[in-house]
């Protein structure tokens, strides 16, 4: 019990000092970030670093994103509560857990089967039952369940993949880092009928999106 109170205190401090202080204001999102146990989504050696202001390694050359970036990317989707969303790059499952608190259903695609299994076990143990994990090439999206009311990509592509733009519902957003290794721009694409408009948000650094419409391995 004391351990859980410690983690809750660290979560609250993370939200106040890293996220609210940087301008994220969506109350539903802030509640989700205070609720999702981020420490459960990192390797045991990093549990007490889970709420620090930065990314952490999770294995297979992948990372769990900085809390502020998770919050910002999620806020950009402008979620209301009844959406079906797509995440590309399941990783630890933390971003999917945050999304699942805000929407009806989450589909998430991971190319590393080992990470997908770990994420599945973690999410299941925490009772998340509206998240569906798929193993495959996320750069092509997941056409089977399209269109999506939001798409979030947690790895950097050379350009916004056309299949992801095509799988957006009208009015929905694709949030994706775009650019070369180690230095990218976070882009927010919104579908407006047959047109997709792009807004550059800020500079970021993500692992590369490997796949048919991403970078070659």
N, C-alpha and C. Protein backbone atom coordinates (compact mmCIF):
# COMPACT_ATOMS: atom_id res chain seq x y z
N UNK A 1 0.83 -1.21 0.00
CA UNK A 1 0.00 0.00 0.00
C UNK A 1 0.87 1.26 0.00
N UNK A 2 1.91 1.27 0.82
CA UNK A 2 2.81 2.42 0.86
C UNK A 2 3.49 2.62 -0.49
N UNK A 3 3.86 1.50 -1.13
CA UNK A 3 4.50 1.57 -2.45
C UNK A 3 3.56 2.23 -3.46
N UNK A 4 2.28 1.84 -3.43
CA UNK A 4 1.32 2.41 -4.38
C UNK A 4 1.08 3.89 -4.09
N UNK A 5 1.07 4.28 -2.82
CA UNK A 5 0.93 5.71 -2.49
C UNK A 5 2.13 6.50 -3.02
N UNK A 6 3.31 5.88 -2.95
CA UNK A 6 4.51 6.54 -3.48
C UNK A 6 4.39 6.76 -4.98
N UNK A 7 3.95 5.71 -5.69
CA UNK A 7 3.81 5.84 -7.14
C UNK A 7 2.72 6.85 -7.50
N UNK A 8 1.62 6.88 -6.73
CA UNK A 8 0.57 7.86 -7.01
C UNK A 8 1.09 9.27 -6.81
N UNK A 9 1.89 9.47 -5.77
CA UNK A 9 2.49 10.78 -5.54
C UNK A 9 3.41 11.18 -6.68
N UNK A 10 4.20 10.22 -7.18
CA UNK A 10 5.09 10.50 -8.31
C UNK A 10 4.28 10.81 -9.56
N UNK A 11 3.15 10.13 -9.75
CA UNK A 11 2.29 10.41 -10.91
C UNK A 11 1.71 11.82 -10.84
N UNK A 12 1.22 12.18 -9.66
CA UNK A 12 0.64 13.50 -9.50
C UNK A 12 1.69 14.59 -9.75
N UNK A 13 2.88 14.36 -9.24
CA UNK A 13 3.97 15.33 -9.45
C UNK A 13 4.33 15.42 -10.93
N UNK A 14 4.36 14.27 -11.61
CA UNK A 14 4.64 14.24 -13.05
C UNK A 14 3.62 15.08 -13.81
N UNK A 15 2.34 14.89 -13.51
CA UNK A 15 1.29 15.61 -14.21
C UNK A 15 1.39 17.11 -13.95
N UNK A 16 1.59 17.49 -12.70
CA UNK A 16 1.62 18.91 -12.35
C UNK A 16 2.86 19.62 -12.90
N UNK A 17 4.04 19.00 -12.72
CA UNK A 17 5.28 19.70 -13.03
C UNK A 17 5.72 19.55 -14.48
N UNK A 18 5.35 18.45 -15.13
CA UNK A 18 5.81 18.21 -16.49
C UNK A 18 4.75 18.50 -17.55
N UNK A 19 3.49 18.31 -17.21
CA UNK A 19 2.43 18.32 -18.21
C UNK A 19 1.55 19.55 -18.10
N UNK A 20 0.94 19.77 -16.95
CA UNK A 20 0.16 20.98 -16.77
C UNK A 20 1.05 22.22 -16.92
N UNK A 21 2.25 22.16 -16.37
CA UNK A 21 3.17 23.30 -16.44
C UNK A 21 3.57 23.64 -17.86
N UNK A 22 3.45 22.67 -18.79
CA UNK A 22 3.80 22.93 -20.19
C UNK A 22 2.57 23.23 -21.04
N UNK A 23 1.43 23.37 -20.41
CA UNK A 23 0.27 23.88 -21.15
C UNK A 23 -0.80 22.88 -21.52
N UNK A 24 -0.66 21.60 -21.15
CA UNK A 24 -1.71 20.62 -21.43
C UNK A 24 -2.82 20.83 -20.41
N UNK A 25 -4.05 21.00 -20.89
CA UNK A 25 -5.15 21.39 -20.01
C UNK A 25 -6.36 20.44 -20.04
N UNK A 26 -6.42 19.53 -20.97
CA UNK A 26 -7.59 18.67 -21.10
C UNK A 26 -7.83 17.88 -19.81
N UNK A 27 -8.94 18.10 -19.12
CA UNK A 27 -9.13 17.46 -17.82
C UNK A 27 -9.25 15.94 -17.88
N UNK A 28 -9.89 15.41 -18.93
CA UNK A 28 -10.00 13.96 -19.04
C UNK A 28 -8.63 13.32 -19.25
N UNK A 29 -7.80 13.96 -20.05
CA UNK A 29 -6.45 13.46 -20.29
C UNK A 29 -5.62 13.52 -19.02
N UNK A 30 -5.70 14.62 -18.28
CA UNK A 30 -4.94 14.73 -17.04
C UNK A 30 -5.37 13.68 -16.04
N UNK A 31 -6.66 13.39 -15.98
CA UNK A 31 -7.15 12.33 -15.08
C UNK A 31 -6.58 10.97 -15.49
N UNK A 32 -6.55 10.72 -16.81
CA UNK A 32 -6.01 9.45 -17.30
C UNK A 32 -4.55 9.30 -16.93
N UNK A 33 -3.78 10.37 -17.08
CA UNK A 33 -2.35 10.33 -16.76
C UNK A 33 -2.12 10.14 -15.26
N UNK A 34 -3.03 10.65 -14.44
CA UNK A 34 -2.92 10.43 -13.00
C UNK A 34 -3.30 9.01 -12.61
N UNK A 35 -4.04 8.35 -13.48
CA UNK A 35 -4.56 7.01 -13.16
C UNK A 35 -3.69 5.87 -13.70
N UNK A 36 -3.19 6.00 -14.93
CA UNK A 36 -2.45 4.89 -15.55
C UNK A 36 -1.11 4.70 -14.84
N UNK A 37 -0.82 3.50 -14.32
CA UNK A 37 0.43 3.25 -13.58
C UNK A 37 1.62 3.08 -14.52
N UNK A 38 2.23 4.19 -14.91
CA UNK A 38 3.32 4.18 -15.88
C UNK A 38 4.45 3.23 -15.45
N UNK A 39 4.67 3.09 -14.15
CA UNK A 39 5.77 2.24 -13.67
C UNK A 39 5.57 0.77 -14.02
N UNK A 40 4.34 0.37 -14.32
CA UNK A 40 4.07 -1.02 -14.70
C UNK A 40 4.48 -1.29 -16.14
N UNK A 41 4.79 -0.26 -16.89
CA UNK A 41 5.08 -0.40 -18.32
C UNK A 41 6.56 -0.28 -18.64
N UNK A 42 7.40 -0.27 -17.63
CA UNK A 42 8.85 -0.20 -17.84
C UNK A 42 9.50 -1.42 -17.18
N UNK A 43 10.73 -1.79 -17.61
CA UNK A 43 11.42 -2.90 -16.97
C UNK A 43 11.62 -2.64 -15.48
N UNK A 44 11.67 -3.70 -14.67
CA UNK A 44 11.76 -3.54 -13.21
C UNK A 44 12.84 -2.59 -12.73
N UNK A 45 14.00 -2.60 -13.38
CA UNK A 45 15.10 -1.73 -12.95
C UNK A 45 14.79 -0.24 -13.11
N UNK A 46 13.76 0.08 -13.89
CA UNK A 46 13.43 1.48 -14.16
C UNK A 46 12.15 1.93 -13.46
N UNK A 47 11.57 1.09 -12.60
CA UNK A 47 10.27 1.41 -11.99
C UNK A 47 10.27 2.79 -11.32
N UNK A 48 11.31 3.09 -10.56
CA UNK A 48 11.31 4.35 -9.82
C UNK A 48 11.81 5.53 -10.67
N UNK A 49 12.11 5.25 -11.94
CA UNK A 49 12.43 6.32 -12.89
C UNK A 49 11.29 6.56 -13.87
N UNK A 50 10.20 5.82 -13.71
CA UNK A 50 9.12 5.83 -14.70
C UNK A 50 8.46 7.20 -14.85
N UNK A 51 8.50 8.02 -13.79
CA UNK A 51 7.81 9.30 -13.83
C UNK A 51 8.76 10.47 -14.05
N UNK A 52 10.00 10.15 -14.41
CA UNK A 52 10.98 11.19 -14.72
C UNK A 52 10.65 11.85 -16.07
N UNK A 53 11.22 13.02 -16.29
CA UNK A 53 10.92 13.83 -17.46
C UNK A 53 11.78 13.42 -18.65
N UNK A 54 11.54 12.22 -19.17
CA UNK A 54 12.30 11.74 -20.32
C UNK A 54 11.87 10.35 -20.72
N UNK A 55 12.33 9.88 -21.89
CA UNK A 55 12.03 8.52 -22.35
C UNK A 55 12.88 7.50 -21.58
N UNK A 56 12.46 6.23 -21.64
CA UNK A 56 13.20 5.14 -21.00
C UNK A 56 13.24 3.94 -21.95
N UNK A 57 14.33 3.15 -21.92
CA UNK A 57 14.40 1.95 -22.77
C UNK A 57 13.46 0.86 -22.28
N UNK A 58 12.87 0.13 -23.24
CA UNK A 58 11.97 -0.97 -22.90
C UNK A 58 12.39 -2.28 -23.57
N UNK A 59 13.56 -2.27 -24.25
CA UNK A 59 14.03 -3.47 -24.94
C UNK A 59 13.80 -3.41 -26.43
N UNK A 60 14.50 -4.27 -27.18
CA UNK A 60 14.38 -4.33 -28.64
C UNK A 60 14.70 -2.99 -29.31
N UNK A 61 15.54 -2.18 -28.65
CA UNK A 61 15.91 -0.90 -29.23
C UNK A 61 14.80 0.13 -29.20
N UNK A 62 13.75 -0.10 -28.42
CA UNK A 62 12.60 0.79 -28.37
C UNK A 62 12.55 1.52 -27.03
N UNK A 63 11.70 2.56 -26.96
CA UNK A 63 11.60 3.36 -25.74
C UNK A 63 10.13 3.62 -25.40
N UNK A 64 9.91 3.96 -24.13
CA UNK A 64 8.64 4.53 -23.72
C UNK A 64 8.83 6.04 -23.75
N UNK A 65 7.93 6.75 -24.40
CA UNK A 65 8.12 8.17 -24.65
C UNK A 65 8.06 8.99 -23.37
N UNK A 66 8.69 10.15 -23.42
CA UNK A 66 8.62 11.14 -22.35
C UNK A 66 7.14 11.41 -22.01
N UNK A 67 6.79 11.51 -20.74
CA UNK A 67 5.38 11.73 -20.37
C UNK A 67 4.74 12.92 -21.06
N UNK A 68 5.45 14.03 -21.16
CA UNK A 68 4.88 15.21 -21.80
C UNK A 68 4.54 14.95 -23.26
N UNK A 69 5.39 14.21 -23.96
CA UNK A 69 5.14 13.92 -25.37
C UNK A 69 3.91 13.02 -25.52
N UNK A 70 3.77 12.05 -24.62
CA UNK A 70 2.57 11.21 -24.62
C UNK A 70 1.33 12.09 -24.45
N UNK A 71 1.40 13.01 -23.50
CA UNK A 71 0.26 13.89 -23.22
C UNK A 71 -0.04 14.79 -24.42
N UNK A 72 0.99 15.41 -24.96
CA UNK A 72 0.79 16.34 -26.08
C UNK A 72 0.20 15.63 -27.29
N UNK A 73 0.77 14.48 -27.67
CA UNK A 73 0.28 13.77 -28.84
C UNK A 73 -1.16 13.32 -28.64
N UNK A 74 -1.48 12.90 -27.43
CA UNK A 74 -2.85 12.48 -27.15
C UNK A 74 -3.81 13.66 -27.21
N UNK A 75 -3.42 14.80 -26.64
CA UNK A 75 -4.28 15.98 -26.66
C UNK A 75 -4.57 16.44 -28.08
N UNK A 76 -3.58 16.31 -28.97
CA UNK A 76 -3.76 16.75 -30.36
C UNK A 76 -4.86 15.98 -31.08
N UNK A 77 -5.18 14.77 -30.61
CA UNK A 77 -6.24 13.98 -31.26
C UNK A 77 -7.64 14.52 -30.95
N UNK A 78 -7.76 15.37 -29.93
CA UNK A 78 -9.05 16.00 -29.58
C UNK A 78 -10.14 14.97 -29.35
N UNK A 79 -9.86 14.02 -28.49
CA UNK A 79 -10.77 12.90 -28.25
C UNK A 79 -11.94 13.30 -27.34
N UNK A 80 -13.13 12.79 -27.67
CA UNK A 80 -14.33 13.13 -26.91
C UNK A 80 -14.83 11.96 -26.04
N UNK A 81 -14.55 10.71 -26.46
CA UNK A 81 -14.95 9.59 -25.61
C UNK A 81 -15.53 8.39 -26.31
N UNK A 82 -16.04 8.57 -27.54
CA UNK A 82 -16.69 7.44 -28.22
C UNK A 82 -15.94 7.00 -29.47
N UNK A 83 -14.65 7.35 -29.53
CA UNK A 83 -13.88 7.10 -30.76
C UNK A 83 -13.29 5.68 -30.80
N UNK A 84 -12.97 5.28 -32.04
CA UNK A 84 -12.12 4.12 -32.29
C UNK A 84 -10.82 4.68 -32.87
N UNK A 85 -9.70 4.42 -32.20
CA UNK A 85 -8.43 5.01 -32.62
C UNK A 85 -7.41 3.92 -32.94
N UNK A 86 -6.41 4.32 -33.72
CA UNK A 86 -5.33 3.43 -34.11
C UNK A 86 -4.01 4.00 -33.60
N UNK A 87 -3.22 3.14 -32.97
CA UNK A 87 -1.86 3.50 -32.57
C UNK A 87 -0.88 2.65 -33.35
N UNK A 88 0.16 3.27 -33.86
CA UNK A 88 1.22 2.54 -34.55
C UNK A 88 2.46 2.57 -33.65
N UNK A 89 2.89 1.39 -33.20
CA UNK A 89 4.02 1.28 -32.30
C UNK A 89 3.57 1.07 -30.87
N UNK A 90 3.11 -0.14 -30.55
CA UNK A 90 2.58 -0.44 -29.22
C UNK A 90 3.63 -0.24 -28.14
N UNK A 91 4.86 -0.70 -28.43
CA UNK A 91 5.92 -0.61 -27.44
C UNK A 91 5.54 -1.27 -26.14
N UNK A 92 5.62 -0.53 -25.04
CA UNK A 92 5.30 -1.08 -23.72
C UNK A 92 3.80 -1.21 -23.49
N UNK A 93 3.00 -0.49 -24.27
CA UNK A 93 1.55 -0.48 -24.07
C UNK A 93 1.06 0.74 -23.29
N UNK A 94 1.97 1.59 -22.81
CA UNK A 94 1.56 2.73 -21.98
C UNK A 94 0.69 3.72 -22.76
N UNK A 95 1.12 4.11 -23.95
CA UNK A 95 0.33 5.05 -24.73
C UNK A 95 -1.06 4.48 -25.03
N UNK A 96 -1.12 3.19 -25.34
CA UNK A 96 -2.42 2.56 -25.60
C UNK A 96 -3.30 2.61 -24.36
N UNK A 97 -2.70 2.42 -23.18
CA UNK A 97 -3.47 2.48 -21.93
C UNK A 97 -4.04 3.87 -21.71
N UNK A 98 -3.25 4.90 -21.97
CA UNK A 98 -3.74 6.27 -21.83
C UNK A 98 -4.89 6.51 -22.80
N UNK A 99 -4.71 6.10 -24.05
CA UNK A 99 -5.77 6.27 -25.04
C UNK A 99 -7.04 5.52 -24.63
N UNK A 100 -6.87 4.32 -24.07
CA UNK A 100 -8.03 3.49 -23.75
C UNK A 100 -8.91 4.11 -22.68
N UNK A 101 -8.32 4.98 -21.85
CA UNK A 101 -9.11 5.67 -20.82
C UNK A 101 -9.97 6.78 -21.42
N UNK A 102 -9.69 7.14 -22.67
CA UNK A 102 -10.33 8.30 -23.28
C UNK A 102 -11.26 7.97 -24.43
N UNK A 103 -11.24 6.72 -24.92
CA UNK A 103 -11.99 6.36 -26.12
C UNK A 103 -12.75 5.05 -25.93
N UNK A 104 -13.54 4.72 -26.92
CA UNK A 104 -14.30 3.48 -26.90
C UNK A 104 -13.42 2.27 -27.15
N UNK A 105 -12.48 2.38 -28.13
CA UNK A 105 -11.71 1.22 -28.56
C UNK A 105 -10.37 1.66 -29.14
N UNK A 106 -9.32 0.89 -28.83
CA UNK A 106 -7.98 1.16 -29.34
C UNK A 106 -7.48 -0.06 -30.11
N UNK A 107 -7.03 0.16 -31.33
CA UNK A 107 -6.28 -0.85 -32.08
C UNK A 107 -4.83 -0.36 -32.13
N UNK A 108 -3.90 -1.24 -31.82
CA UNK A 108 -2.50 -0.85 -31.79
C UNK A 108 -1.65 -1.91 -32.48
N UNK A 109 -0.69 -1.47 -33.29
CA UNK A 109 0.12 -2.36 -34.11
C UNK A 109 1.57 -2.29 -33.67
N UNK A 110 2.19 -3.45 -33.48
CA UNK A 110 3.59 -3.56 -33.06
C UNK A 110 4.30 -4.56 -33.95
N UNK A 111 5.48 -4.20 -34.43
CA UNK A 111 6.23 -5.10 -35.32
C UNK A 111 7.06 -6.11 -34.55
N UNK A 112 7.39 -5.83 -33.29
CA UNK A 112 8.17 -6.76 -32.46
C UNK A 112 7.23 -7.66 -31.67
N UNK A 113 7.19 -8.94 -32.03
CA UNK A 113 6.26 -9.86 -31.36
C UNK A 113 6.54 -9.95 -29.86
N UNK A 114 7.82 -9.91 -29.47
CA UNK A 114 8.16 -10.01 -28.05
C UNK A 114 7.60 -8.84 -27.26
N UNK A 115 7.72 -7.62 -27.80
CA UNK A 115 7.15 -6.46 -27.13
C UNK A 115 5.63 -6.53 -27.09
N UNK A 116 5.03 -7.01 -28.17
CA UNK A 116 3.58 -7.13 -28.21
C UNK A 116 3.08 -8.07 -27.12
N UNK A 117 3.80 -9.17 -26.90
CA UNK A 117 3.38 -10.13 -25.87
C UNK A 117 3.49 -9.51 -24.48
N UNK A 118 4.58 -8.80 -24.23
CA UNK A 118 4.76 -8.16 -22.92
C UNK A 118 3.67 -7.12 -22.69
N UNK A 119 3.42 -6.30 -23.71
CA UNK A 119 2.38 -5.27 -23.60
C UNK A 119 1.02 -5.91 -23.34
N UNK A 120 0.73 -6.99 -24.06
CA UNK A 120 -0.55 -7.68 -23.86
C UNK A 120 -0.69 -8.16 -22.43
N UNK A 121 0.36 -8.77 -21.90
CA UNK A 121 0.30 -9.29 -20.53
C UNK A 121 0.13 -8.17 -19.52
N UNK A 122 0.84 -7.07 -19.72
CA UNK A 122 0.73 -5.93 -18.80
C UNK A 122 -0.66 -5.34 -18.83
N UNK A 123 -1.17 -5.08 -20.02
CA UNK A 123 -2.50 -4.49 -20.17
C UNK A 123 -3.59 -5.40 -19.61
N UNK A 124 -3.46 -6.69 -19.87
CA UNK A 124 -4.44 -7.65 -19.35
C UNK A 124 -4.43 -7.68 -17.82
N UNK A 125 -3.23 -7.67 -17.24
CA UNK A 125 -3.11 -7.73 -15.78
C UNK A 125 -3.71 -6.49 -15.11
N UNK A 126 -3.74 -5.37 -15.85
CA UNK A 126 -4.28 -4.12 -15.30
C UNK A 126 -5.76 -3.93 -15.64
N UNK A 127 -6.33 -4.87 -16.39
CA UNK A 127 -7.76 -4.85 -16.65
C UNK A 127 -8.20 -4.04 -17.86
N UNK A 128 -7.28 -3.70 -18.74
CA UNK A 128 -7.66 -2.97 -19.95
C UNK A 128 -8.22 -3.95 -20.97
N UNK A 129 -9.50 -3.81 -21.27
CA UNK A 129 -10.16 -4.78 -22.15
C UNK A 129 -10.68 -4.16 -23.45
N UNK A 130 -10.34 -2.90 -23.71
CA UNK A 130 -10.77 -2.28 -24.96
C UNK A 130 -9.59 -1.97 -25.88
N UNK A 131 -8.48 -2.70 -25.65
CA UNK A 131 -7.27 -2.52 -26.47
C UNK A 131 -7.01 -3.82 -27.24
N UNK A 132 -6.81 -3.70 -28.54
CA UNK A 132 -6.57 -4.87 -29.39
C UNK A 132 -5.18 -4.72 -30.02
N UNK A 133 -4.28 -5.64 -29.69
CA UNK A 133 -2.90 -5.58 -30.18
C UNK A 133 -2.76 -6.45 -31.43
N UNK A 134 -2.15 -5.88 -32.47
CA UNK A 134 -1.92 -6.58 -33.72
C UNK A 134 -0.42 -6.55 -34.02
N UNK A 135 0.11 -7.66 -34.50
CA UNK A 135 1.53 -7.73 -34.86
C UNK A 135 1.64 -7.56 -36.37
N UNK A 136 2.45 -6.60 -36.80
CA UNK A 136 2.59 -6.38 -38.23
C UNK A 136 3.31 -5.08 -38.55
N UNK A 137 3.22 -4.68 -39.80
CA UNK A 137 3.87 -3.47 -40.32
C UNK A 137 2.91 -2.30 -40.17
N UNK A 138 3.12 -1.52 -39.13
CA UNK A 138 2.21 -0.41 -38.86
C UNK A 138 2.28 0.71 -39.87
N UNK A 139 3.34 0.77 -40.69
CA UNK A 139 3.43 1.85 -41.67
C UNK A 139 2.32 1.77 -42.72
N UNK A 140 1.70 0.59 -42.84
CA UNK A 140 0.56 0.42 -43.75
C UNK A 140 -0.77 0.57 -43.03
N UNK A 141 -0.73 0.93 -41.75
CA UNK A 141 -1.96 1.09 -41.00
C UNK A 141 -2.61 -0.25 -40.69
N UNK A 142 -3.91 -0.22 -40.53
CA UNK A 142 -4.70 -1.43 -40.24
C UNK A 142 -6.06 -1.23 -40.89
N UNK A 143 -6.11 -1.54 -42.18
CA UNK A 143 -7.28 -1.20 -42.99
C UNK A 143 -8.55 -1.90 -42.52
N UNK A 144 -8.38 -3.06 -41.90
CA UNK A 144 -9.53 -3.89 -41.52
C UNK A 144 -10.55 -3.15 -40.66
N UNK A 145 -10.10 -2.24 -39.82
CA UNK A 145 -11.01 -1.57 -38.89
C UNK A 145 -11.17 -0.08 -39.20
N UNK A 146 -10.65 0.37 -40.33
CA UNK A 146 -10.76 1.78 -40.73
C UNK A 146 -12.19 2.10 -41.16
N UNK A 147 -12.57 3.39 -41.13
CA UNK A 147 -11.75 4.56 -40.78
C UNK A 147 -11.65 4.76 -39.27
N UNK A 148 -10.60 5.48 -38.87
CA UNK A 148 -10.33 5.74 -37.46
C UNK A 148 -10.61 7.19 -37.10
N UNK A 149 -11.04 7.39 -35.88
CA UNK A 149 -11.33 8.73 -35.37
C UNK A 149 -10.08 9.43 -34.85
N UNK A 150 -8.94 8.81 -35.03
CA UNK A 150 -7.65 9.36 -34.67
C UNK A 150 -6.59 8.30 -34.87
N UNK A 151 -5.42 8.72 -35.33
CA UNK A 151 -4.28 7.80 -35.49
C UNK A 151 -3.07 8.46 -34.87
N UNK A 152 -2.36 7.71 -34.05
CA UNK A 152 -1.18 8.22 -33.35
C UNK A 152 -0.02 7.27 -33.64
N UNK A 153 1.11 7.83 -34.07
CA UNK A 153 2.28 7.04 -34.45
C UNK A 153 3.43 7.38 -33.50
N UNK A 154 4.00 6.35 -32.89
CA UNK A 154 5.05 6.57 -31.88
C UNK A 154 6.44 6.23 -32.40
N UNK A 155 6.64 6.37 -33.70
CA UNK A 155 7.95 6.21 -34.33
C UNK A 155 7.99 7.14 -35.53
N UNK A 156 9.20 7.56 -35.92
CA UNK A 156 9.35 8.60 -36.94
C UNK A 156 9.44 8.04 -38.35
N UNK A 157 8.64 8.60 -39.24
CA UNK A 157 8.62 8.18 -40.65
C UNK A 157 9.30 9.22 -41.53
N UNK A 158 9.73 8.83 -42.74
CA UNK A 158 10.29 9.80 -43.68
C UNK A 158 9.26 10.84 -44.11
N UNK A 159 8.00 10.42 -44.17
CA UNK A 159 6.87 11.29 -44.50
C UNK A 159 5.62 10.62 -43.95
N UNK A 160 4.54 11.37 -43.82
CA UNK A 160 3.30 10.77 -43.33
C UNK A 160 2.84 9.70 -44.32
N UNK A 161 2.75 8.42 -43.91
CA UNK A 161 2.38 7.36 -44.85
C UNK A 161 0.97 7.55 -45.40
N UNK A 162 0.85 7.45 -46.71
CA UNK A 162 -0.46 7.64 -47.35
C UNK A 162 -1.53 6.68 -46.82
N UNK A 163 -1.21 5.40 -46.55
CA UNK A 163 -2.25 4.52 -46.01
C UNK A 163 -2.85 5.04 -44.71
N UNK A 164 -2.04 5.68 -43.86
CA UNK A 164 -2.57 6.21 -42.61
C UNK A 164 -3.50 7.40 -42.86
N UNK A 165 -3.11 8.26 -43.79
CA UNK A 165 -3.98 9.38 -44.15
C UNK A 165 -5.30 8.86 -44.73
N UNK A 166 -5.20 7.83 -45.55
CA UNK A 166 -6.39 7.27 -46.19
C UNK A 166 -7.33 6.62 -45.17
N UNK A 167 -6.79 6.17 -44.04
CA UNK A 167 -7.60 5.46 -43.03
C UNK A 167 -8.19 6.39 -41.97
N UNK A 168 -8.00 7.70 -42.13
CA UNK A 168 -8.61 8.67 -41.22
C UNK A 168 -10.07 8.90 -41.57
N UNK A 169 -10.91 8.98 -40.54
CA UNK A 169 -12.28 9.43 -40.74
C UNK A 169 -12.28 10.93 -41.02
N UNK A 170 -13.34 11.42 -41.63
CA UNK A 170 -13.45 12.85 -41.92
C UNK A 170 -13.42 13.64 -40.62
N UNK A 171 -12.55 14.65 -40.55
CA UNK A 171 -12.41 15.47 -39.37
C UNK A 171 -11.40 14.95 -38.36
N UNK A 172 -10.90 13.73 -38.57
CA UNK A 172 -9.98 13.11 -37.61
C UNK A 172 -8.54 13.51 -37.89
N UNK A 173 -7.67 13.29 -36.88
CA UNK A 173 -6.27 13.69 -36.97
C UNK A 173 -5.32 12.50 -36.94
N UNK A 174 -4.23 12.64 -37.68
CA UNK A 174 -3.07 11.76 -37.60
C UNK A 174 -1.95 12.56 -36.95
N UNK A 175 -1.41 12.05 -35.84
CA UNK A 175 -0.29 12.69 -35.16
C UNK A 175 0.93 11.80 -35.34
N UNK A 176 1.99 12.35 -35.94
CA UNK A 176 3.13 11.52 -36.32
C UNK A 176 4.42 12.34 -36.35
N UNK A 177 5.53 11.80 -35.83
CA UNK A 177 6.83 12.45 -36.02
C UNK A 177 7.37 12.13 -37.41
N UNK A 178 7.87 13.15 -38.08
CA UNK A 178 8.37 12.99 -39.45
C UNK A 178 9.76 13.61 -39.56
N UNK A 179 10.69 12.83 -40.13
CA UNK A 179 12.04 13.35 -40.34
C UNK A 179 13.09 12.28 -40.19
N UNK A 180 14.35 12.68 -40.28
CA UNK A 180 15.46 11.75 -40.22
C UNK A 180 15.75 11.28 -38.81
N UNK A 181 16.71 10.40 -38.68
CA UNK A 181 17.04 9.78 -37.41
C UNK A 181 17.49 10.83 -36.40
N UNK A 182 16.83 10.87 -35.27
CA UNK A 182 17.24 11.71 -34.16
C UNK A 182 16.75 13.14 -34.18
N UNK A 183 16.12 13.57 -35.27
CA UNK A 183 15.66 14.96 -35.35
C UNK A 183 14.45 15.02 -36.27
N UNK A 184 13.27 15.18 -35.67
CA UNK A 184 12.05 15.18 -36.48
C UNK A 184 11.12 16.31 -36.06
N UNK A 185 10.09 16.50 -36.86
CA UNK A 185 9.03 17.44 -36.54
C UNK A 185 7.76 16.65 -36.24
N UNK A 186 7.10 16.99 -35.15
CA UNK A 186 5.82 16.36 -34.84
C UNK A 186 4.75 17.03 -35.69
N UNK A 187 4.09 16.25 -36.53
CA UNK A 187 3.08 16.77 -37.45
C UNK A 187 1.69 16.32 -37.02
N UNK A 188 0.72 17.19 -37.20
CA UNK A 188 -0.68 16.86 -36.96
C UNK A 188 -1.45 17.07 -38.26
N UNK A 189 -1.91 15.97 -38.85
CA UNK A 189 -2.64 16.00 -40.11
C UNK A 189 -4.13 15.84 -39.81
N UNK A 190 -4.96 16.69 -40.40
CA UNK A 190 -6.40 16.57 -40.24
C UNK A 190 -7.07 16.34 -41.59
N UNK A 191 -7.91 15.30 -41.65
CA UNK A 191 -8.67 15.05 -42.89
C UNK A 191 -9.89 15.95 -42.92
N UNK A 192 -10.02 16.67 -44.03
CA UNK A 192 -11.18 17.52 -44.28
C UNK A 192 -11.74 17.14 -45.64
N UNK A 193 -12.67 16.20 -45.65
CA UNK A 193 -13.18 15.68 -46.91
C UNK A 193 -12.10 14.94 -47.66
N UNK A 194 -11.81 15.37 -48.87
CA UNK A 194 -10.77 14.72 -49.67
C UNK A 194 -9.39 15.30 -49.42
N UNK A 195 -9.31 16.33 -48.58
CA UNK A 195 -8.05 17.04 -48.34
C UNK A 195 -7.52 16.71 -46.95
N UNK A 196 -6.19 16.65 -46.81
CA UNK A 196 -5.55 16.51 -45.51
C UNK A 196 -4.61 17.69 -45.32
N UNK A 197 -4.81 18.43 -44.24
CA UNK A 197 -3.99 19.59 -43.92
C UNK A 197 -3.03 19.27 -42.79
N UNK A 198 -1.83 19.83 -42.86
CA UNK A 198 -0.77 19.51 -41.89
C UNK A 198 -0.37 20.74 -41.09
N UNK A 199 -0.19 20.54 -39.78
CA UNK A 199 0.36 21.56 -38.90
C UNK A 199 1.61 21.01 -38.23
N UNK A 200 2.72 21.74 -38.26
CA UNK A 200 3.93 21.36 -37.56
C UNK A 200 3.83 21.84 -36.11
N UNK A 201 4.05 20.93 -35.17
CA UNK A 201 3.82 21.24 -33.76
C UNK A 201 5.11 21.64 -33.04
N UNK A 202 6.12 20.76 -33.05
CA UNK A 202 7.40 21.05 -32.41
C UNK A 202 8.42 20.00 -32.82
N UNK A 203 9.69 20.24 -32.49
CA UNK A 203 10.77 19.29 -32.79
C UNK A 203 10.76 18.18 -31.76
N UNK A 204 10.99 16.95 -32.23
CA UNK A 204 11.00 15.77 -31.36
C UNK A 204 12.11 14.82 -31.79
N UNK A 205 12.31 13.78 -31.02
CA UNK A 205 13.27 12.73 -31.37
C UNK A 205 12.67 11.38 -31.02
N UNK A 206 12.36 10.59 -32.04
CA UNK A 206 11.76 9.27 -31.89
C UNK A 206 12.62 8.22 -32.57
N UNK A 207 12.42 6.97 -32.17
CA UNK A 207 13.02 5.85 -32.90
C UNK A 207 12.38 5.80 -34.28
N UNK A 208 13.05 5.21 -35.28
CA UNK A 208 12.49 5.19 -36.64
C UNK A 208 11.33 4.22 -36.80
N UNK A 209 10.39 4.59 -37.66
CA UNK A 209 9.31 3.70 -38.06
C UNK A 209 9.83 2.80 -39.18
N UNK A 210 10.00 1.53 -38.87
CA UNK A 210 10.51 0.57 -39.85
C UNK A 210 9.32 -0.08 -40.57
N UNK A 211 9.37 -0.10 -41.90
CA UNK A 211 8.28 -0.76 -42.62
C UNK A 211 8.21 -0.33 -44.06
N UNK A 212 7.20 -0.85 -44.73
CA UNK A 212 7.01 -0.62 -46.16
C UNK A 212 6.91 0.87 -46.49
N UNK A 213 6.20 1.64 -45.66
CA UNK A 213 6.03 3.08 -45.88
C UNK A 213 6.86 3.89 -44.89
N UNK A 214 7.82 3.23 -44.24
CA UNK A 214 8.70 3.91 -43.30
C UNK A 214 10.14 3.78 -43.74
N UNK A 215 11.04 3.62 -42.78
CA UNK A 215 12.45 3.42 -43.07
C UNK A 215 12.75 1.94 -43.25
N UNK A 216 13.79 1.65 -44.02
CA UNK A 216 14.23 0.27 -44.19
C UNK A 216 15.08 -0.13 -42.97
N UNK A 217 14.99 -1.37 -42.61
CA UNK A 217 15.71 -1.84 -41.41
C UNK A 217 17.21 -1.86 -41.67
